[in-house]
Amino acid sequence: MKFKILRACPEVKPIKLVNGEYEIYALEEITIHPDTQNKVKTGIRMEFNENYFAFINYENDSLQTLAGVVDSDYRGEIIVMLYNFGDKPVTIRKNEKCANITFHAIKHKLMVEIF
């Protein structure tokens, strides 16, 4: 499958394939306080085949993604929504990994509506 990564500005760190997942990086430094969520800008946009969707995921000792499905027709900036369920603030520095992206094929099944 081919897909395009569009960088919004030259300082956006290119994504990197690691163990079957693409790593994406924070465009700017951000601190997420305990029991709060925050958006992490990446400065990238994607284009890929309509028979796929992208899944954004990130987990460590304190952080977890809240939303993660990207449809093939979405053309806006990829923004990672992270929640800090730990008891200390977590800072993600500029160009530090903030998520992984995997691509998944959509396999349609015939659905029949029953009344």
PDB file of N, CA and C in Angstrom:
ATOM      1  N   MET A   1       0.838  -1.171   0.000  1.00  0.00           N
ATOM      2  CA  MET A   1       0.000   0.000   0.000  1.00  0.00           C
ATOM      3  C   MET A   1       0.888   1.242   0.000  1.00  0.00           C
ATOM      4  N   LYS A   2       0.533   2.204  -0.814  1.00  0.00           N
ATOM      5  CA  LYS A   2       1.254   3.471  -0.828  1.00  0.00           C
ATOM      6  C   LYS A   2       0.462   4.494  -0.035  1.00  0.00           C
ATOM      7  N   PHE A   3       1.171   5.346   0.662  1.00  0.00           N
ATOM      8  CA  PHE A   3       0.523   6.469   1.315  1.00  0.00           C
ATOM      9  C   PHE A   3       1.471   7.649   1.315  1.00  0.00           C
ATOM     10  N   LYS A   4       0.884   8.826   1.424  1.00  0.00           N
ATOM     11  CA  LYS A   4       1.671  10.056   1.384  1.00  0.00           C
ATOM     12  C   LYS A   4       1.668  10.703   2.760  1.00  0.00           C
ATOM     13  N   ILE A   5       2.818  11.197   3.142  1.00  0.00           N
ATOM     14  CA  ILE A   5       2.950  11.993   4.358  1.00  0.00           C
ATOM     15  C   ILE A   5       3.305  13.406   3.914  1.00  0.00           C
ATOM     16  N   LEU A   6       2.509  14.356   4.328  1.00  0.00           N
ATOM     17  CA  LEU A   6       2.737  15.753   3.971  1.00  0.00           C
ATOM     18  C   LEU A   6       3.187  16.500   5.220  1.00  0.00           C
ATOM     19  N   ARG A   7       4.375  17.072   5.167  1.00  0.00           N
ATOM     20  CA  ARG A   7       4.893  17.814   6.323  1.00  0.00           C
ATOM     21  C   ARG A   7       4.516  19.289   6.199  1.00  0.00           C
ATOM     22  N   ALA A   8       3.965  19.845   7.280  1.00  0.00           N
ATOM     23  CA  ALA A   8       3.483  21.229   7.277  1.00  0.00           C
ATOM     24  C   ALA A   8       4.617  22.245   7.248  1.00  0.00           C
ATOM     25  N   CYS A   9       5.756  21.882   7.774  1.00  0.00           N
ATOM     26  CA  CYS A   9       6.894  22.793   7.827  1.00  0.00           C
ATOM     27  C   CYS A   9       8.184  21.977   7.873  1.00  0.00           C
ATOM     28  N   PRO A  10       9.316  22.580   7.528  1.00  0.00           N
ATOM     29  CA  PRO A  10      10.577  21.838   7.439  1.00  0.00           C
ATOM     30  C   PRO A  10      11.040  21.209   8.752  1.00  0.00           C
ATOM     31  N   GLU A  11      10.661  21.791   9.888  1.00  0.00           N
ATOM     32  CA  GLU A  11      11.147  21.238  11.161  1.00  0.00           C
ATOM     33  C   GLU A  11      10.382  20.005  11.637  1.00  0.00           C
ATOM     34  N   VAL A  12       9.364  19.575  10.895  1.00  0.00           N
ATOM     35  CA  VAL A  12       8.643  18.356  11.260  1.00  0.00           C
ATOM     36  C   VAL A  12       9.568  17.163  11.046  1.00  0.00           C
ATOM     37  N   LYS A  13       9.737  16.373  12.082  1.00  0.00           N
ATOM     38  CA  LYS A  13      10.602  15.196  12.005  1.00  0.00           C
ATOM     39  C   LYS A  13       9.909  14.123  11.165  1.00  0.00           C
ATOM     40  N   PRO A  14      10.603  13.542  10.181  1.00  0.00           N
ATOM     41  CA  PRO A  14       9.992  12.499   9.355  1.00  0.00           C
ATOM     42  C   PRO A  14       9.583  11.289  10.196  1.00  0.00           C
ATOM     43  N   ILE A  15       8.488  10.646   9.775  1.00  0.00           N
ATOM     44  CA  ILE A  15       8.064   9.454  10.498  1.00  0.00           C
ATOM     45  C   ILE A  15       9.045   8.323  10.217  1.00  0.00           C
ATOM     46  N   LYS A  16       9.033   7.318  11.069  1.00  0.00           N
ATOM     47  CA  LYS A  16      10.010   6.233  10.990  1.00  0.00           C
ATOM     48  C   LYS A  16       9.294   4.902  11.216  1.00  0.00           C
ATOM     49  N   LEU A  17       9.593   3.903  10.379  1.00  0.00           N
ATOM     50  CA  LEU A  17       9.015   2.571  10.527  1.00  0.00           C
ATOM     51  C   LEU A  17       9.831   1.772  11.533  1.00  0.00           C
ATOM     52  N   VAL A  18       9.172   1.323  12.613  1.00  0.00           N
ATOM     53  CA  VAL A  18       9.817   0.535  13.660  1.00  0.00           C
ATOM     54  C   VAL A  18       8.886  -0.614  14.031  1.00  0.00           C
ATOM     55  N   ASN A  19       9.344  -1.842  13.829  1.00  0.00           N
ATOM     56  CA  ASN A  19       8.573  -3.035  14.195  1.00  0.00           C
ATOM     57  C   ASN A  19       7.152  -3.026  13.632  1.00  0.00           C
ATOM     58  N   GLY A  20       7.003  -2.623  12.382  1.00  0.00           N
ATOM     59  CA  GLY A  20       5.705  -2.659  11.722  1.00  0.00           C
ATOM     60  C   GLY A  20       4.790  -1.494  12.039  1.00  0.00           C
ATOM     61  N   GLU A  21       5.251  -0.559  12.850  1.00  0.00           N
ATOM     62  CA  GLU A  21       4.464   0.628  13.184  1.00  0.00           C
ATOM     63  C   GLU A  21       5.266   1.866  12.807  1.00  0.00           C
ATOM     64  N   TYR A  22       4.561   2.898  12.394  1.00  0.00           N
ATOM     65  CA  TYR A  22       5.219   4.153  12.065  1.00  0.00           C
ATOM     66  C   TYR A  22       5.204   5.053  13.289  1.00  0.00           C
ATOM     67  N   GLU A  23       6.368   5.514  13.686  1.00  0.00           N
ATOM     68  CA  GLU A  23       6.461   6.429  14.821  1.00  0.00           C
ATOM     69  C   GLU A  23       6.240   7.848  14.321  1.00  0.00           C
ATOM     70  N   ILE A  24       5.443   8.616  15.073  1.00  0.00           N
ATOM     71  CA  ILE A  24       5.277  10.031  14.763  1.00  0.00           C
ATOM     72  C   ILE A  24       5.707  10.842  15.978  1.00  0.00           C
ATOM     73  N   TYR A  25       6.034  12.100  15.732  1.00  0.00           N
ATOM     74  CA  TYR A  25       6.722  12.897  16.739  1.00  0.00           C
ATOM     75  C   TYR A  25       6.006  14.221  16.998  1.00  0.00           C
ATOM     76  N   ALA A  26       6.179  14.736  18.198  1.00  0.00           N
ATOM     77  CA  ALA A  26       5.557  15.995  18.603  1.00  0.00           C
ATOM     78  C   ALA A  26       6.192  17.169  17.859  1.00  0.00           C
ATOM     79  N   LEU A  27       5.361  18.070  17.402  1.00  0.00           N
ATOM     80  CA  LEU A  27       5.830  19.264  16.710  1.00  0.00           C
ATOM     81  C   LEU A  27       6.338  20.311  17.693  1.00  0.00           C
ATOM     82  N   GLU A  28       5.804  20.285  18.904  1.00  0.00           N
ATOM     83  CA  GLU A  28       6.201  21.248  19.926  1.00  0.00           C
ATOM     84  C   GLU A  28       6.154  20.583  21.298  1.00  0.00           C
ATOM     85  N   GLU A  29       6.842  21.171  22.244  1.00  0.00           N
ATOM     86  CA  GLU A  29       6.841  20.622  23.606  1.00  0.00           C
ATOM     87  C   GLU A  29       5.487  20.863  24.264  1.00  0.00           C
ATOM     88  N   ILE A  30       5.020  19.863  24.996  1.00  0.00           N
ATOM     89  CA  ILE A  30       3.740  19.981  25.685  1.00  0.00           C
ATOM     90  C   ILE A  30       3.800  19.206  26.990  1.00  0.00           C
ATOM     91  N   THR A  31       3.169  19.735  28.035  1.00  0.00           N
ATOM     92  CA  THR A  31       3.082  19.053  29.323  1.00  0.00           C
ATOM     93  C   THR A  31       1.635  18.663  29.572  1.00  0.00           C
ATOM     94  N   ILE A  32       1.446  17.410  29.970  1.00  0.00           N
ATOM     95  CA  ILE A  32       0.109  16.904  30.278  1.00  0.00           C
ATOM     96  C   ILE A  32       0.079  16.599  31.768  1.00  0.00           C
ATOM     97  N   HIS A  33      -0.781  17.285  32.475  1.00  0.00           N
ATOM     98  CA  HIS A  33      -0.875  17.143  33.930  1.00  0.00           C
ATOM     99  C   HIS A  33      -1.727  15.929  34.298  1.00  0.00           C
ATOM    100  N   PRO A  34      -1.576  15.405  35.524  1.00  0.00           N
ATOM    101  CA  PRO A  34      -2.350  14.234  35.948  1.00  0.00           C
ATOM    102  C   PRO A  34      -3.860  14.447  35.767  1.00  0.00           C
ATOM    103  N   ASP A  35      -4.521  13.384  35.375  1.00  0.00           N
ATOM    104  CA  ASP A  35      -5.978  13.378  35.193  1.00  0.00           C
ATOM    105  C   ASP A  35      -6.471  14.406  34.181  1.00  0.00           C
ATOM    106  N   THR A  36      -5.624  14.732  33.205  1.00  0.00           N
ATOM    107  CA  THR A  36      -6.043  15.647  32.144  1.00  0.00           C
ATOM    108  C   THR A  36      -5.633  15.076  30.796  1.00  0.00           C
ATOM    109  N   GLN A  37      -6.222  15.637  29.771  1.00  0.00           N
ATOM    110  CA  GLN A  37      -5.882  15.255  28.406  1.00  0.00           C
ATOM    111  C   GLN A  37      -5.387  16.485  27.668  1.00  0.00           C
ATOM    112  N   ASN A  38      -4.624  16.239  26.613  1.00  0.00           N
ATOM    113  CA  ASN A  38      -4.126  17.351  25.820  1.00  0.00           C
ATOM    114  C   ASN A  38      -3.853  16.879  24.404  1.00  0.00           C
ATOM    115  N   LYS A  39      -3.919  17.824  23.477  1.00  0.00           N
ATOM    116  CA  LYS A  39      -3.644  17.530  22.074  1.00  0.00           C
ATOM    117  C   LYS A  39      -2.167  17.742  21.796  1.00  0.00           C
ATOM    118  N   VAL A  40      -1.585  16.801  21.055  1.00  0.00           N
ATOM    119  CA  VAL A  40      -0.186  16.908  20.653  1.00  0.00           C
ATOM    120  C   VAL A  40      -0.162  17.079  19.136  1.00  0.00           C
ATOM    121  N   LYS A  41       0.283  18.233  18.682  1.00  0.00           N
ATOM    122  CA  LYS A  41       0.368  18.486  17.246  1.00  0.00           C
ATOM    123  C   LYS A  41       1.564  17.743  16.669  1.00  0.00           C
ATOM    124  N   THR A  42       1.398  17.235  15.442  1.00  0.00           N
ATOM    125  CA  THR A  42       2.481  16.504  14.788  1.00  0.00           C
ATOM    126  C   THR A  42       3.012  17.224  13.553  1.00  0.00           C
ATOM    127  N   GLY A  43       2.207  18.109  12.976  1.00  0.00           N
ATOM    128  CA  GLY A  43       2.630  18.815  11.772  1.00  0.00           C
ATOM    129  C   GLY A  43       2.575  17.977  10.513  1.00  0.00           C
ATOM    130  N   ILE A  44       1.942  16.802  10.581  1.00  0.00           N
ATOM    131  CA  ILE A  44       1.839  15.958   9.388  1.00  0.00           C
ATOM    132  C   ILE A  44       0.379  15.756   9.000  1.00  0.00           C
ATOM    133  N   ARG A  45       0.194  15.531   7.702  1.00  0.00           N
ATOM    134  CA  ARG A  45      -1.099  15.119   7.154  1.00  0.00           C
ATOM    135  C   ARG A  45      -0.831  13.889   6.308  1.00  0.00           C
ATOM    136  N   MET A  46      -1.865  13.085   6.096  1.00  0.00           N
ATOM    137  CA  MET A  46      -1.675  11.830   5.365  1.00  0.00           C
ATOM    138  C   MET A  46      -2.710  11.684   4.257  1.00  0.00           C
ATOM    139  N   GLU A  47      -2.332  10.939   3.235  1.00  0.00           N
ATOM    140  CA  GLU A  47      -3.251  10.494   2.194  1.00  0.00           C
ATOM    141  C   GLU A  47      -2.973   9.017   1.971  1.00  0.00           C
ATOM    142  N   PHE A  48      -4.043   8.211   2.001  1.00  0.00           N
ATOM    143  CA  PHE A  48      -3.873   6.780   1.762  1.00  0.00           C
ATOM    144  C   PHE A  48      -5.142   6.196   1.168  1.00  0.00           C
ATOM    145  N   ASN A  49      -5.048   4.967   0.708  1.00  0.00           N
ATOM    146  CA  ASN A  49      -6.101   4.254  -0.006  1.00  0.00           C
ATOM    147  C   ASN A  49      -7.388   4.175   0.802  1.00  0.00           C
ATOM    148  N   GLU A  50      -8.523   4.329   0.114  1.00  0.00           N
ATOM    149  CA  GLU A  50      -9.831   4.300   0.776  1.00  0.00           C
ATOM    150  C   GLU A  50     -10.199   2.937   1.363  1.00  0.00           C
ATOM    151  N   ASN A  51      -9.468   1.909   1.029  1.00  0.00           N
ATOM    152  CA  ASN A  51      -9.736   0.579   1.581  1.00  0.00           C
ATOM    153  C   ASN A  51      -8.988   0.334   2.891  1.00  0.00           C
ATOM    154  N   TYR A  52      -8.431   1.390   3.458  1.00  0.00           N
ATOM    155  CA  TYR A  52      -7.678   1.293   4.712  1.00  0.00           C
ATOM    156  C   TYR A  52      -8.128   2.375   5.688  1.00  0.00           C
ATOM    157  N   PHE A  53      -7.799   2.170   6.939  1.00  0.00           N
ATOM    158  CA  PHE A  53      -7.895   3.227   7.946  1.00  0.00           C
ATOM    159  C   PHE A  53      -6.606   3.194   8.743  1.00  0.00           C
ATOM    160  N   ALA A  54      -6.273   4.318   9.349  1.00  0.00           N
ATOM    161  CA  ALA A  54      -5.075   4.392  10.190  1.00  0.00           C
ATOM    162  C   ALA A  54      -5.509   4.346  11.650  1.00  0.00           C
ATOM    163  N   PHE A  55      -4.696   3.703  12.472  1.00  0.00           N
ATOM    164  CA  PHE A  55      -4.966   3.634  13.907  1.00  0.00           C
ATOM    165  C   PHE A  55      -3.780   4.241  14.638  1.00  0.00           C
ATOM    166  N   ILE A  56      -4.062   5.250  15.456  1.00  0.00           N
ATOM    167  CA  ILE A  56      -3.027   5.933  16.229  1.00  0.00           C
ATOM    168  C   ILE A  56      -3.083   5.424  17.657  1.00  0.00           C
ATOM    169  N   ASN A  57      -1.938   5.001  18.170  1.00  0.00           N
ATOM    170  CA  ASN A  57      -1.904   4.420  19.509  1.00  0.00           C
ATOM    171  C   ASN A  57      -0.610   4.824  20.213  1.00  0.00           C
ATOM    172  N   TYR A  58      -0.715   4.998  21.519  1.00  0.00           N
ATOM    173  CA  TYR A  58       0.468   5.257  22.334  1.00  0.00           C
ATOM    174  C   TYR A  58       0.152   4.882  23.772  1.00  0.00           C
ATOM    175  N   GLU A  59       1.022   4.134  24.368  1.00  0.00           N
ATOM    176  CA  GLU A  59       0.862   3.772  25.773  1.00  0.00           C
ATOM    177  C   GLU A  59       2.231   3.728  26.426  1.00  0.00           C
ATOM    178  N   ASN A  60       2.289   4.259  27.641  1.00  0.00           N
ATOM    179  CA  ASN A  60       3.454   4.064  28.491  1.00  0.00           C
ATOM    180  C   ASN A  60       2.944   3.992  29.924  1.00  0.00           C
ATOM    181  N   ASP A  61       3.789   4.229  30.893  1.00  0.00           N
ATOM    182  CA  ASP A  61       3.376   4.105  32.294  1.00  0.00           C
ATOM    183  C   ASP A  61       2.295   5.099  32.696  1.00  0.00           C
ATOM    184  N   SER A  62       2.208   6.235  32.019  1.00  0.00           N
ATOM    185  CA  SER A  62       1.268   7.283  32.425  1.00  0.00           C
ATOM    186  C   SER A  62       0.328   7.765  31.328  1.00  0.00           C
ATOM    187  N   LEU A  63       0.701   7.593  30.068  1.00  0.00           N
ATOM    188  CA  LEU A  63      -0.073   8.165  28.969  1.00  0.00           C
ATOM    189  C   LEU A  63      -0.753   7.108  28.123  1.00  0.00           C
ATOM    190  N   GLN A  64      -1.915   7.485  27.595  1.00  0.00           N
ATOM    191  CA  GLN A  64      -2.646   6.606  26.685  1.00  0.00           C
ATOM    192  C   GLN A  64      -3.439   7.475  25.708  1.00  0.00           C
ATOM    193  N   THR A  65      -3.566   7.013  24.459  1.00  0.00           N
ATOM    194  CA  THR A  65      -4.361   7.752  23.478  1.00  0.00           C
ATOM    195  C   THR A  65      -5.842   7.615  23.803  1.00  0.00           C
ATOM    196  N   LEU A  66      -6.596   8.667  23.506  1.00  0.00           N
ATOM    197  CA  LEU A  66      -8.041   8.643  23.733  1.00  0.00           C
ATOM    198  C   LEU A  66      -8.811   8.380  22.453  1.00  0.00           C
ATOM    199  N   ALA A  67      -8.368   8.903  21.353  1.00  0.00           N
ATOM    200  CA  ALA A  67      -9.020   8.685  20.069  1.00  0.00           C
ATOM    201  C   ALA A  67      -7.934   8.287  19.100  1.00  0.00           C
ATOM    202  N   GLY A  68      -8.263   7.430  18.147  1.00  0.00           N
ATOM    203  CA  GLY A  68      -7.163   6.992  17.326  1.00  0.00           C
ATOM    204  C   GLY A  68      -7.462   6.554  15.916  1.00  0.00           C
ATOM    205  N   VAL A  69      -8.712   6.553  15.481  1.00  0.00           N
ATOM    206  CA  VAL A  69      -9.021   6.093  14.132  1.00  0.00           C
ATOM    207  C   VAL A  69      -9.001   7.281  13.176  1.00  0.00           C
ATOM    208  N   VAL A  70      -8.280   7.113  12.063  1.00  0.00           N
ATOM    209  CA  VAL A  70      -8.213   8.143  11.025  1.00  0.00           C
ATOM    210  C   VAL A  70      -8.750   7.539   9.737  1.00  0.00           C
ATOM    211  N   ASP A  71      -9.825   8.114   9.219  1.00  0.00           N
ATOM    212  CA  ASP A  71     -10.407   7.653   7.961  1.00  0.00           C
ATOM    213  C   ASP A  71      -9.568   8.126   6.784  1.00  0.00           C
ATOM    214  N   SER A  72      -9.687   7.415   5.659  1.00  0.00           N
ATOM    215  CA  SER A  72      -8.876   7.727   4.483  1.00  0.00           C
ATOM    216  C   SER A  72      -9.200   9.087   3.873  1.00  0.00           C
ATOM    217  N   ASP A  73     -10.383   9.625   4.116  1.00  0.00           N
ATOM    218  CA  ASP A  73     -10.734  10.913   3.524  1.00  0.00           C
ATOM    219  C   ASP A  73     -10.384  12.109   4.415  1.00  0.00           C
ATOM    220  N   TYR A  74      -9.811  11.868   5.587  1.00  0.00           N
ATOM    221  CA  TYR A  74      -9.406  12.964   6.470  1.00  0.00           C
ATOM    222  C   TYR A  74      -8.123  13.589   5.936  1.00  0.00           C
ATOM    223  N   ARG A  75      -8.123  14.904   5.767  1.00  0.00           N
ATOM    224  CA  ARG A  75      -6.957  15.595   5.207  1.00  0.00           C
ATOM    225  C   ARG A  75      -6.352  16.623   6.155  1.00  0.00           C
ATOM    226  N   GLY A  76      -6.850  16.711   7.370  1.00  0.00           N
ATOM    227  CA  GLY A  76      -6.314  17.673   8.326  1.00  0.00           C
ATOM    228  C   GLY A  76      -5.038  17.174   8.984  1.00  0.00           C
ATOM    229  N   GLU A  77      -4.486  18.022   9.839  1.00  0.00           N
ATOM    230  CA  GLU A  77      -3.279  17.649  10.580  1.00  0.00           C
ATOM    231  C   GLU A  77      -3.584  16.487  11.522  1.00  0.00           C
ATOM    232  N   ILE A  78      -2.644  15.571  11.639  1.00  0.00           N
ATOM    233  CA  ILE A  78      -2.764  14.481  12.605  1.00  0.00           C
ATOM    234  C   ILE A  78      -2.431  15.053  13.976  1.00  0.00           C
ATOM    235  N   ILE A  79      -3.413  15.006  14.849  1.00  0.00           N
ATOM    236  CA  ILE A  79      -3.254  15.493  16.219  1.00  0.00           C
ATOM    237  C   ILE A  79      -3.518  14.322  17.154  1.00  0.00           C
ATOM    238  N   VAL A  80      -2.596  14.071  18.050  1.00  0.00           N
ATOM    239  CA  VAL A  80      -2.697  12.937  18.974  1.00  0.00           C
ATOM    240  C   VAL A  80      -3.305  13.435  20.283  1.00  0.00           C
ATOM    241  N   MET A  81      -4.399  12.802  20.702  1.00  0.00           N
ATOM    242  CA  MET A  81      -5.046  13.150  21.969  1.00  0.00           C
ATOM    243  C   MET A  81      -4.542  12.177  23.032  1.00  0.00           C
ATOM    244  N   LEU A  82      -3.798  12.705  24.008  1.00  0.00           N
ATOM    245  CA  LEU A  82      -3.231  11.867  25.066  1.00  0.00           C
ATOM    246  C   LEU A  82      -3.843  12.217  26.419  1.00  0.00           C
ATOM    247  N   TYR A  83      -4.052  11.183  27.224  1.00  0.00           N
ATOM    248  CA  TYR A  83      -4.579  11.336  28.586  1.00  0.00           C
ATOM    249  C   TYR A  83      -3.519  10.866  29.577  1.00  0.00           C
ATOM    250  N   ASN A  84      -3.279  11.655  30.613  1.00  0.00           N
ATOM    251  CA  ASN A  84      -2.314  11.298  31.655  1.00  0.00           C
ATOM    252  C   ASN A  84      -3.082  10.713  32.836  1.00  0.00           C
ATOM    253  N   PHE A  85      -3.012   9.398  32.990  1.00  0.00           N
ATOM    254  CA  PHE A  85      -3.693   8.750  34.114  1.00  0.00           C
ATOM    255  C   PHE A  85      -2.745   8.523  35.287  1.00  0.00           C
ATOM    256  N   GLY A  86      -1.539   9.059  35.186  1.00  0.00           N
ATOM    257  CA  GLY A  86      -0.555   8.956  36.268  1.00  0.00           C
ATOM    258  C   GLY A  86      -0.756  10.042  37.312  1.00  0.00           C
ATOM    259  N   ASP A  87       0.183  10.107  38.264  1.00  0.00           N
ATOM    260  CA  ASP A  87       0.065  11.102  39.332  1.00  0.00           C
ATOM    261  C   ASP A  87       1.109  12.219  39.232  1.00  0.00           C
ATOM    262  N   LYS A  88       1.842  12.262  38.106  1.00  0.00           N
ATOM    263  CA  LYS A  88       2.842  13.307  37.890  1.00  0.00           C
ATOM    264  C   LYS A  88       2.665  13.885  36.487  1.00  0.00           C
ATOM    265  N   PRO A  89       2.994  15.162  36.299  1.00  0.00           N
ATOM    266  CA  PRO A  89       2.950  15.731  34.950  1.00  0.00           C
ATOM    267  C   PRO A  89       3.938  15.000  34.032  1.00  0.00           C
ATOM    268  N   VAL A  90       3.565  14.883  32.771  1.00  0.00           N
ATOM    269  CA  VAL A  90       4.430  14.258  31.771  1.00  0.00           C
ATOM    270  C   VAL A  90       4.671  15.281  30.666  1.00  0.00           C
ATOM    271  N   THR A  91       5.945  15.502  30.348  1.00  0.00           N
ATOM    272  CA  THR A  91       6.303  16.429  29.276  1.00  0.00           C
ATOM    273  C   THR A  91       6.789  15.640  28.072  1.00  0.00           C
ATOM    274  N   ILE A  92       6.203  15.946  26.933  1.00  0.00           N
ATOM    275  CA  ILE A  92       6.672  15.396  25.662  1.00  0.00           C
ATOM    276  C   ILE A  92       7.406  16.532  24.969  1.00  0.00           C
ATOM    277  N   ARG A  93       8.657  16.307  24.666  1.00  0.00           N
ATOM    278  CA  ARG A  93       9.492  17.346  24.078  1.00  0.00           C
ATOM    279  C   ARG A  93       9.326  17.383  22.552  1.00  0.00           C
ATOM    280  N   LYS A  94       9.688  18.493  21.979  1.00  0.00           N
ATOM    281  CA  LYS A  94       9.649  18.631  20.527  1.00  0.00           C
ATOM    282  C   LYS A  94      10.490  17.529  19.893  1.00  0.00           C
ATOM    283  N   ASN A  95       9.961  16.910  18.854  1.00  0.00           N
ATOM    284  CA  ASN A  95      10.593  15.814  18.107  1.00  0.00           C
ATOM    285  C   ASN A  95      10.686  14.509  18.889  1.00  0.00           C
ATOM    286  N   GLU A  96      10.040  14.419  20.039  1.00  0.00           N
ATOM    287  CA  GLU A  96       9.970  13.165  20.790  1.00  0.00           C
ATOM    288  C   GLU A  96       8.774  12.360  20.274  1.00  0.00           C
ATOM    289  N   LYS A  97       8.905  11.051  20.271  1.00  0.00           N
ATOM    290  CA  LYS A  97       7.810  10.185  19.828  1.00  0.00           C
ATOM    291  C   LYS A  97       6.572  10.450  20.677  1.00  0.00           C
ATOM    292  N   CYS A  98       5.423  10.622  20.001  1.00  0.00           N
ATOM    293  CA  CYS A  98       4.170  10.837  20.726  1.00  0.00           C
ATOM    294  C   CYS A  98       3.118   9.796  20.377  1.00  0.00           C
ATOM    295  N   ALA A  99       3.377   8.965  19.357  1.00  0.00           N
ATOM    296  CA  ALA A  99       2.400   7.932  18.996  1.00  0.00           C
ATOM    297  C   ALA A  99       2.971   7.008  17.929  1.00  0.00           C
ATOM    298  N   ASN A 100       2.241   5.919  17.716  1.00  0.00           N
ATOM    299  CA  ASN A 100       2.507   4.986  16.624  1.00  0.00           C
ATOM    300  C   ASN A 100       1.292   4.976  15.708  1.00  0.00           C
ATOM    301  N   ILE A 101       1.525   4.782  14.419  1.00  0.00           N
ATOM    302  CA  ILE A 101       0.429   4.637  13.464  1.00  0.00           C
ATOM    303  C   ILE A 101       0.566   3.285  12.785  1.00  0.00           C
ATOM    304  N   THR A 102      -0.544   2.556  12.721  1.00  0.00           N
ATOM    305  CA  THR A 102      -0.613   1.330  11.933  1.00  0.00           C
ATOM    306  C   THR A 102      -1.762   1.475  10.941  1.00  0.00           C
ATOM    307  N   PHE A 103      -1.648   0.804   9.815  1.00  0.00           N
ATOM    308  CA  PHE A 103      -2.683   0.843   8.783  1.00  0.00           C
ATOM    309  C   PHE A 103      -3.366  -0.513   8.719  1.00  0.00           C
ATOM    310  N   HIS A 104      -4.693  -0.478   8.590  1.00  0.00           N
ATOM    311  CA  HIS A 104      -5.486  -1.704   8.608  1.00  0.00           C
ATOM    312  C   HIS A 104      -6.445  -1.706   7.423  1.00  0.00           C
ATOM    313  N   ALA A 105      -6.535  -2.864   6.757  1.00  0.00           N
ATOM    314  CA  ALA A 105      -7.465  -3.016   5.641  1.00  0.00           C
ATOM    315  C   ALA A 105      -8.893  -3.071   6.168  1.00  0.00           C
ATOM    316  N   ILE A 106      -9.801  -2.473   5.413  1.00  0.00           N
ATOM    317  CA  ILE A 106     -11.224  -2.536   5.748  1.00  0.00           C
ATOM    318  C   ILE A 106     -11.815  -3.690   4.962  1.00  0.00           C
ATOM    319  N   LYS A 107     -12.386  -4.633   5.665  1.00  0.00           N
ATOM    320  CA  LYS A 107     -13.005  -5.797   5.024  1.00  0.00           C
ATOM    321  C   LYS A 107     -14.509  -5.690   5.222  1.00  0.00           C
ATOM    322  N   HIS A 108     -15.188  -5.329   4.152  1.00  0.00           N
ATOM    323  CA  HIS A 108     -16.637  -5.125   4.230  1.00  0.00           C
ATOM    324  C   HIS A 108     -17.366  -6.462   4.212  1.00  0.00           C
ATOM    325  N   LYS A 109     -18.353  -6.550   5.043  1.00  0.00           N
ATOM    326  CA  LYS A 109     -19.253  -7.701   5.064  1.00  0.00           C
ATOM    327  C   LYS A 109     -20.629  -7.191   4.663  1.00  0.00           C
ATOM    328  N   LEU A 110     -21.383  -8.019   3.980  1.00  0.00           N
ATOM    329  CA  LEU A 110     -22.732  -7.649   3.596  1.00  0.00           C
ATOM    330  C   LEU A 110     -23.605  -7.628   4.837  1.00  0.00           C
ATOM    331  N   MET A 111     -24.219  -6.488   5.077  1.00  0.00           N
ATOM    332  CA  MET A 111     -25.102  -6.365   6.237  1.00  0.00           C
ATOM    333  C   MET A 111     -26.545  -6.357   5.757  1.00  0.00           C
ATOM    334  N   VAL A 112     -27.389  -7.053   6.483  1.00  0.00           N
ATOM    335  CA  VAL A 112     -28.807  -7.110   6.170  1.00  0.00           C
ATOM    336  C   VAL A 112     -29.567  -6.545   7.354  1.00  0.00           C
ATOM    337  N   GLU A 113     -30.422  -5.546   7.085  1.00  0.00           N
ATOM    338  CA  GLU A 113     -31.214  -4.958   8.155  1.00  0.00           C
ATOM    339  C   GLU A 113     -32.451  -5.809   8.390  1.00  0.00           C
ATOM    340  N   ILE A 114     -32.688  -6.156   9.643  1.00  0.00           N
ATOM    341  CA  ILE A 114     -33.832  -6.997  10.006  1.00  0.00           C
ATOM    342  C   ILE A 114     -34.738  -6.179  10.909  1.00  0.00           C
ATOM    343  N   PHE A 115     -36.010  -6.172  10.600  1.00  0.00           N
ATOM    344  CA  PHE A 115     -36.993  -5.434  11.417  1.00  0.00           C
ATOM    345  C   PHE A 115     -37.701  -6.359  12.367  1.00  0.00           C
TER     346      PHE A 115
END
